[in-house]
Amino acid sequence: MEPFKPDDTSAKALMANGSQAFNDHLASKIQAGLGRPLPQMEVRVKNLSVSADVVVGQHEDGRELPTLTHTIKTAALKLSSSKHVVHKTIVRNFSGVFEPGTITLVLGQPSSGKSSLMK
């Protein structure tokens, strides 16, 4: 494959051959400016666990209209009642390796900790 040599004057010309060609061109410019290759990093995780203390509240059925009286009453009930806190484990004992230049697909049920893992 020939090296991509775009006309640097417009975004359309830079993206004409696709985002991968643009990224390769940009990386070569940065490497030339630095005088060395771009750093690569591998992320390794062993027995990662993420947990949080979650306040469990009462579910409002939403049948009352949002009036000033209802809002004040709800706020007073929230302040006066004791809060029930539950310790929730979001990710439990995860081990893995994220290598540079690879795409990682994370699958799981809703609320199974996919976003927490990627953070």
N, C-alpha and C. Protein backbone atom coordinates (compact mmCIF):
# COMPACT_ATOMS: atom_id res chain seq x y z
N MET A 1 0.84 -1.18 0.00
CA MET A 1 0.00 0.00 0.00
C MET A 1 0.89 1.24 0.00
N GLU A 2 0.59 2.20 -0.88
CA GLU A 2 1.38 3.41 -0.97
C GLU A 2 1.11 4.33 0.21
N PRO A 3 2.14 5.05 0.66
CA PRO A 3 1.90 6.00 1.74
C PRO A 3 0.93 7.09 1.29
N PHE A 4 0.11 7.51 2.19
CA PHE A 4 -0.91 8.52 1.93
C PHE A 4 -0.28 9.90 2.01
N LYS A 5 -0.39 10.70 0.95
CA LYS A 5 0.16 12.06 0.94
C LYS A 5 -0.96 13.02 0.59
N PRO A 6 -1.72 13.44 1.59
CA PRO A 6 -2.87 14.30 1.30
C PRO A 6 -2.46 15.75 1.11
N ASP A 7 -3.36 16.50 0.56
CA ASP A 7 -3.22 17.94 0.49
C ASP A 7 -3.68 18.47 1.85
N ASP A 8 -2.78 19.07 2.61
CA ASP A 8 -3.08 19.49 3.98
C ASP A 8 -3.97 20.73 4.06
N THR A 9 -4.51 21.17 2.95
CA THR A 9 -5.26 22.43 2.96
C THR A 9 -6.72 22.27 3.34
N SER A 10 -7.28 21.07 3.24
CA SER A 10 -8.70 20.94 3.57
C SER A 10 -8.96 19.62 4.29
N ALA A 11 -9.99 19.65 5.12
CA ALA A 11 -10.39 18.45 5.85
C ALA A 11 -10.90 17.38 4.90
N LYS A 12 -11.57 17.81 3.83
CA LYS A 12 -12.10 16.86 2.85
C LYS A 12 -10.97 16.08 2.19
N ALA A 13 -9.89 16.77 1.85
CA ALA A 13 -8.74 16.09 1.24
C ALA A 13 -8.07 15.15 2.23
N LEU A 14 -8.01 15.55 3.51
CA LEU A 14 -7.39 14.69 4.52
C LEU A 14 -8.19 13.41 4.74
N MET A 15 -9.52 13.50 4.67
CA MET A 15 -10.37 12.34 4.93
C MET A 15 -10.77 11.59 3.65
N ALA A 16 -10.23 11.98 2.50
CA ALA A 16 -10.62 11.37 1.22
C ALA A 16 -10.36 9.87 1.19
N ASN A 17 -9.28 9.40 1.80
CA ASN A 17 -8.95 7.98 1.77
C ASN A 17 -9.39 7.24 3.02
N GLY A 18 -10.18 7.87 3.86
CA GLY A 18 -10.69 7.21 5.05
C GLY A 18 -9.95 7.61 6.31
N SER A 19 -10.55 7.27 7.43
CA SER A 19 -10.00 7.68 8.72
C SER A 19 -8.70 6.96 9.06
N GLN A 20 -8.56 5.70 8.65
CA GLN A 20 -7.32 4.96 8.95
C GLN A 20 -6.12 5.59 8.24
N ALA A 21 -6.31 5.97 6.97
CA ALA A 21 -5.22 6.63 6.23
C ALA A 21 -4.88 7.97 6.87
N PHE A 22 -5.90 8.71 7.31
CA PHE A 22 -5.66 9.98 7.98
C PHE A 22 -4.90 9.77 9.28
N ASN A 23 -5.31 8.78 10.07
CA ASN A 23 -4.63 8.50 11.34
C ASN A 23 -3.18 8.08 11.11
N ASP A 24 -2.94 7.26 10.09
CA ASP A 24 -1.56 6.86 9.77
C ASP A 24 -0.72 8.07 9.36
N HIS A 25 -1.31 8.95 8.54
CA HIS A 25 -0.60 10.17 8.12
C HIS A 25 -0.28 11.05 9.32
N LEU A 26 -1.25 11.23 10.20
CA LEU A 26 -1.06 12.05 11.39
C LEU A 26 0.01 11.45 12.30
N ALA A 27 -0.02 10.13 12.49
CA ALA A 27 0.98 9.46 13.33
C ALA A 27 2.38 9.62 12.75
N SER A 28 2.51 9.53 11.42
CA SER A 28 3.84 9.70 10.81
C SER A 28 4.35 11.12 10.99
N LYS A 29 3.45 12.12 10.91
CA LYS A 29 3.86 13.51 11.13
C LYS A 29 4.31 13.72 12.58
N ILE A 30 3.58 13.13 13.53
CA ILE A 30 3.95 13.27 14.94
C ILE A 30 5.27 12.57 15.22
N GLN A 31 5.44 11.37 14.67
CA GLN A 31 6.69 10.63 14.86
C GLN A 31 7.87 11.39 14.27
N ALA A 32 7.68 12.00 13.10
CA ALA A 32 8.75 12.79 12.49
C ALA A 32 9.09 14.00 13.36
N GLY A 33 8.08 14.62 13.94
CA GLY A 33 8.32 15.76 14.81
C GLY A 33 9.01 15.38 16.11
N LEU A 34 8.64 14.23 16.66
CA LEU A 34 9.25 13.76 17.91
C LEU A 34 10.64 13.17 17.68
N GLY A 35 10.86 12.64 16.50
CA GLY A 35 12.13 11.98 16.21
C GLY A 35 12.21 10.57 16.76
N ARG A 36 11.08 10.02 17.15
CA ARG A 36 11.03 8.65 17.67
C ARG A 36 9.61 8.12 17.47
N PRO A 37 9.41 6.80 17.57
CA PRO A 37 8.06 6.26 17.40
C PRO A 37 7.15 6.65 18.57
N LEU A 38 5.86 6.65 18.29
CA LEU A 38 4.89 6.95 19.34
C LEU A 38 4.91 5.85 20.40
N PRO A 39 4.75 6.20 21.67
CA PRO A 39 4.77 5.18 22.71
C PRO A 39 3.53 4.28 22.63
N GLN A 40 3.73 3.03 22.94
CA GLN A 40 2.65 2.04 22.99
C GLN A 40 2.51 1.58 24.44
N MET A 41 1.29 1.31 24.86
CA MET A 41 1.09 0.89 26.24
C MET A 41 0.10 -0.27 26.28
N GLU A 42 0.41 -1.24 27.09
CA GLU A 42 -0.46 -2.38 27.32
C GLU A 42 -1.03 -2.23 28.72
N VAL A 43 -2.31 -2.49 28.87
CA VAL A 43 -2.95 -2.40 30.19
C VAL A 43 -3.29 -3.81 30.65
N ARG A 44 -2.75 -4.18 31.80
CA ARG A 44 -3.03 -5.50 32.39
C ARG A 44 -3.80 -5.29 33.69
N VAL A 45 -4.80 -6.12 33.90
CA VAL A 45 -5.63 -6.04 35.10
C VAL A 45 -5.72 -7.43 35.69
N LYS A 46 -5.52 -7.54 37.00
CA LYS A 46 -5.61 -8.83 37.67
C LYS A 46 -6.49 -8.68 38.91
N ASN A 47 -7.52 -9.49 38.99
CA ASN A 47 -8.45 -9.51 40.11
C ASN A 47 -9.02 -8.13 40.43
N LEU A 48 -9.47 -7.42 39.40
CA LEU A 48 -10.06 -6.09 39.57
C LEU A 48 -11.47 -6.23 40.10
N SER A 49 -11.77 -5.52 41.17
CA SER A 49 -13.11 -5.47 41.72
C SER A 49 -13.49 -4.01 41.91
N VAL A 50 -14.71 -3.67 41.54
CA VAL A 50 -15.23 -2.32 41.72
C VAL A 50 -16.53 -2.44 42.49
N SER A 51 -16.65 -1.67 43.57
CA SER A 51 -17.87 -1.70 44.36
C SER A 51 -18.20 -0.28 44.80
N ALA A 52 -19.46 -0.09 45.20
CA ALA A 52 -19.91 1.23 45.63
C ALA A 52 -21.02 1.08 46.65
N ASP A 53 -21.15 2.09 47.50
CA ASP A 53 -22.27 2.16 48.43
C ASP A 53 -23.39 2.92 47.73
N VAL A 54 -24.55 2.28 47.60
CA VAL A 54 -25.67 2.84 46.86
C VAL A 54 -26.82 3.10 47.82
N VAL A 55 -27.40 4.30 47.73
CA VAL A 55 -28.56 4.64 48.54
C VAL A 55 -29.79 4.10 47.84
N VAL A 56 -30.56 3.28 48.55
CA VAL A 56 -31.77 2.69 48.00
C VAL A 56 -32.94 3.51 48.51
N GLY A 57 -33.69 4.08 47.59
CA GLY A 57 -34.83 4.91 47.97
C GLY A 57 -36.13 4.22 47.64
N GLN A 58 -37.21 4.88 48.06
CA GLN A 58 -38.53 4.35 47.75
C GLN A 58 -38.90 4.78 46.34
N HIS A 59 -39.53 3.88 45.63
CA HIS A 59 -39.94 4.15 44.26
C HIS A 59 -41.22 4.96 44.26
N GLU A 60 -41.19 6.12 43.60
CA GLU A 60 -42.40 6.91 43.47
C GLU A 60 -43.18 6.41 42.27
N ASP A 61 -44.48 6.27 42.45
CA ASP A 61 -45.28 5.74 41.35
C ASP A 61 -45.60 6.79 40.30
N GLY A 62 -45.35 8.07 40.60
CA GLY A 62 -45.54 9.13 39.62
C GLY A 62 -46.99 9.46 39.34
N ARG A 63 -47.90 9.09 40.23
CA ARG A 63 -49.32 9.35 40.00
C ARG A 63 -49.71 10.78 40.36
N GLU A 64 -48.97 11.42 41.26
CA GLU A 64 -49.31 12.78 41.66
C GLU A 64 -48.71 13.78 40.69
N LEU A 65 -49.42 14.86 40.47
CA LEU A 65 -48.91 15.91 39.60
C LEU A 65 -47.80 16.67 40.31
N PRO A 66 -46.82 17.17 39.57
CA PRO A 66 -45.71 17.90 40.19
C PRO A 66 -46.12 19.31 40.61
N THR A 67 -46.81 19.39 41.74
CA THR A 67 -47.23 20.69 42.27
C THR A 67 -46.25 21.14 43.34
N LEU A 68 -46.36 22.39 43.76
CA LEU A 68 -45.49 22.92 44.80
C LEU A 68 -45.70 22.17 46.11
N THR A 69 -46.95 21.88 46.44
CA THR A 69 -47.24 21.15 47.68
C THR A 69 -46.63 19.75 47.65
N HIS A 70 -46.80 19.06 46.54
CA HIS A 70 -46.25 17.71 46.41
C HIS A 70 -44.73 17.72 46.48
N THR A 71 -44.10 18.71 45.84
CA THR A 71 -42.64 18.81 45.85
C THR A 71 -42.11 19.05 47.26
N ILE A 72 -42.76 19.94 48.00
CA ILE A 72 -42.34 20.23 49.38
C ILE A 72 -42.54 19.01 50.26
N LYS A 73 -43.67 18.33 50.10
CA LYS A 73 -43.96 17.13 50.89
C LYS A 73 -42.94 16.03 50.61
N THR A 74 -42.62 15.83 49.35
CA THR A 74 -41.64 14.81 48.97
C THR A 74 -40.26 15.14 49.52
N ALA A 75 -39.86 16.40 49.43
CA ALA A 75 -38.55 16.82 49.95
C ALA A 75 -38.48 16.63 51.46
N ALA A 76 -39.56 16.95 52.17
CA ALA A 76 -39.58 16.78 53.63
C ALA A 76 -39.49 15.31 54.01
N LEU A 77 -40.16 14.45 53.27
CA LEU A 77 -40.10 13.02 53.55
C LEU A 77 -38.70 12.47 53.30
N LYS A 78 -38.05 12.96 52.25
CA LYS A 78 -36.70 12.49 51.94
C LYS A 78 -35.71 12.92 53.02
N LEU A 79 -35.87 14.13 53.55
CA LEU A 79 -34.96 14.61 54.58
C LEU A 79 -35.18 13.91 55.91
N SER A 80 -36.44 13.61 56.23
CA SER A 80 -36.74 13.04 57.54
C SER A 80 -36.49 11.54 57.62
N SER A 81 -36.62 10.85 56.51
CA SER A 81 -36.46 9.40 56.56
C SER A 81 -34.98 9.01 56.54
N SER A 82 -34.68 7.91 57.20
CA SER A 82 -33.31 7.42 57.19
C SER A 82 -33.03 6.75 55.84
N LYS A 83 -31.81 6.89 55.39
CA LYS A 83 -31.45 6.34 54.08
C LYS A 83 -30.90 4.93 54.24
N HIS A 84 -31.36 4.07 53.38
CA HIS A 84 -30.92 2.67 53.38
C HIS A 84 -29.79 2.55 52.37
N VAL A 85 -28.59 2.22 52.84
CA VAL A 85 -27.41 2.12 51.99
C VAL A 85 -27.05 0.65 51.80
N VAL A 86 -26.84 0.28 50.54
CA VAL A 86 -26.48 -1.10 50.20
C VAL A 86 -25.11 -1.08 49.54
N HIS A 87 -24.25 -2.02 49.91
CA HIS A 87 -22.93 -2.17 49.28
C HIS A 87 -23.11 -3.04 48.04
N LYS A 88 -22.88 -2.46 46.86
CA LYS A 88 -23.11 -3.17 45.59
C LYS A 88 -21.78 -3.42 44.89
N THR A 89 -21.53 -4.66 44.52
CA THR A 89 -20.33 -5.02 43.76
C THR A 89 -20.68 -4.88 42.28
N ILE A 90 -19.92 -4.04 41.57
CA ILE A 90 -20.20 -3.76 40.17
C ILE A 90 -19.40 -4.70 39.27
N VAL A 91 -18.10 -4.85 39.54
CA VAL A 91 -17.23 -5.78 38.81
C VAL A 91 -16.54 -6.63 39.85
N ARG A 92 -16.54 -7.95 39.65
CA ARG A 92 -15.96 -8.85 40.64
C ARG A 92 -14.86 -9.71 40.02
N ASN A 93 -13.64 -9.57 40.55
CA ASN A 93 -12.48 -10.41 40.20
C ASN A 93 -12.28 -10.56 38.68
N PHE A 94 -12.14 -9.43 38.00
CA PHE A 94 -11.89 -9.45 36.55
C PHE A 94 -10.39 -9.41 36.31
N SER A 95 -9.92 -10.25 35.41
CA SER A 95 -8.52 -10.24 34.97
C SER A 95 -8.50 -10.18 33.45
N GLY A 96 -7.60 -9.38 32.89
CA GLY A 96 -7.53 -9.28 31.44
C GLY A 96 -6.37 -8.43 30.99
N VAL A 97 -6.16 -8.41 29.67
CA VAL A 97 -5.08 -7.63 29.05
C VAL A 97 -5.69 -6.86 27.88
N PHE A 98 -5.42 -5.56 27.85
CA PHE A 98 -5.82 -4.70 26.73
C PHE A 98 -4.54 -4.31 26.00
N GLU A 99 -4.36 -4.83 24.78
CA GLU A 99 -3.13 -4.61 24.03
C GLU A 99 -3.30 -3.44 23.07
N PRO A 100 -2.20 -2.72 22.79
CA PRO A 100 -2.29 -1.59 21.87
C PRO A 100 -2.62 -2.06 20.46
N GLY A 101 -3.42 -1.27 19.77
CA GLY A 101 -3.77 -1.59 18.39
C GLY A 101 -4.88 -2.61 18.25
N THR A 102 -5.54 -2.97 19.34
CA THR A 102 -6.63 -3.93 19.26
C THR A 102 -7.92 -3.28 19.73
N ILE A 103 -9.03 -3.82 19.27
CA ILE A 103 -10.34 -3.37 19.70
C ILE A 103 -10.90 -4.43 20.63
N THR A 104 -11.43 -4.00 21.76
CA THR A 104 -11.97 -4.93 22.74
C THR A 104 -13.48 -4.79 22.79
N LEU A 105 -14.18 -5.89 22.59
CA LEU A 105 -15.63 -5.91 22.66
C LEU A 105 -16.03 -6.37 24.06
N VAL A 106 -16.82 -5.56 24.74
CA VAL A 106 -17.28 -5.90 26.08
C VAL A 106 -18.77 -6.15 26.01
N LEU A 107 -19.17 -7.38 26.29
CA LEU A 107 -20.58 -7.76 26.25
C LEU A 107 -21.07 -8.08 27.65
N GLY A 108 -22.33 -7.81 27.90
CA GLY A 108 -22.91 -8.14 29.19
C GLY A 108 -24.33 -7.64 29.27
N GLN A 109 -25.04 -8.11 30.27
CA GLN A 109 -26.41 -7.69 30.49
C GLN A 109 -26.44 -6.24 30.95
N PRO A 110 -27.60 -5.59 30.86
CA PRO A 110 -27.71 -4.23 31.39
C PRO A 110 -27.33 -4.19 32.87
N SER A 111 -26.63 -3.16 33.26
CA SER A 111 -26.18 -2.95 34.65
C SER A 111 -25.22 -4.02 35.13
N SER A 112 -24.45 -4.61 34.21
CA SER A 112 -23.50 -5.64 34.62
C SER A 112 -22.09 -5.10 34.83
N GLY A 113 -21.87 -3.78 34.64
CA GLY A 113 -20.57 -3.20 34.93
C GLY A 113 -19.68 -2.96 33.73
N LYS A 114 -20.23 -2.97 32.52
CA LYS A 114 -19.41 -2.77 31.31
C LYS A 114 -18.76 -1.39 31.31
N SER A 115 -19.51 -0.36 31.57
CA SER A 115 -18.96 1.01 31.58
C SER A 115 -17.98 1.20 32.72
N SER A 116 -18.27 0.62 33.87
CA SER A 116 -17.35 0.73 35.01
C SER A 116 -16.02 0.05 34.70
N LEU A 117 -16.06 -1.06 33.99
CA LEU A 117 -14.84 -1.75 33.61
C LEU A 117 -13.99 -0.90 32.68
N MET A 118 -14.62 -0.25 31.72
CA MET A 118 -13.87 0.53 30.74
C MET A 118 -13.33 1.84 31.31
N LYS A 119 -13.91 2.33 32.40
CA LYS A 119 -13.41 3.56 33.02
C LYS A 119 -12.11 3.26 33.69
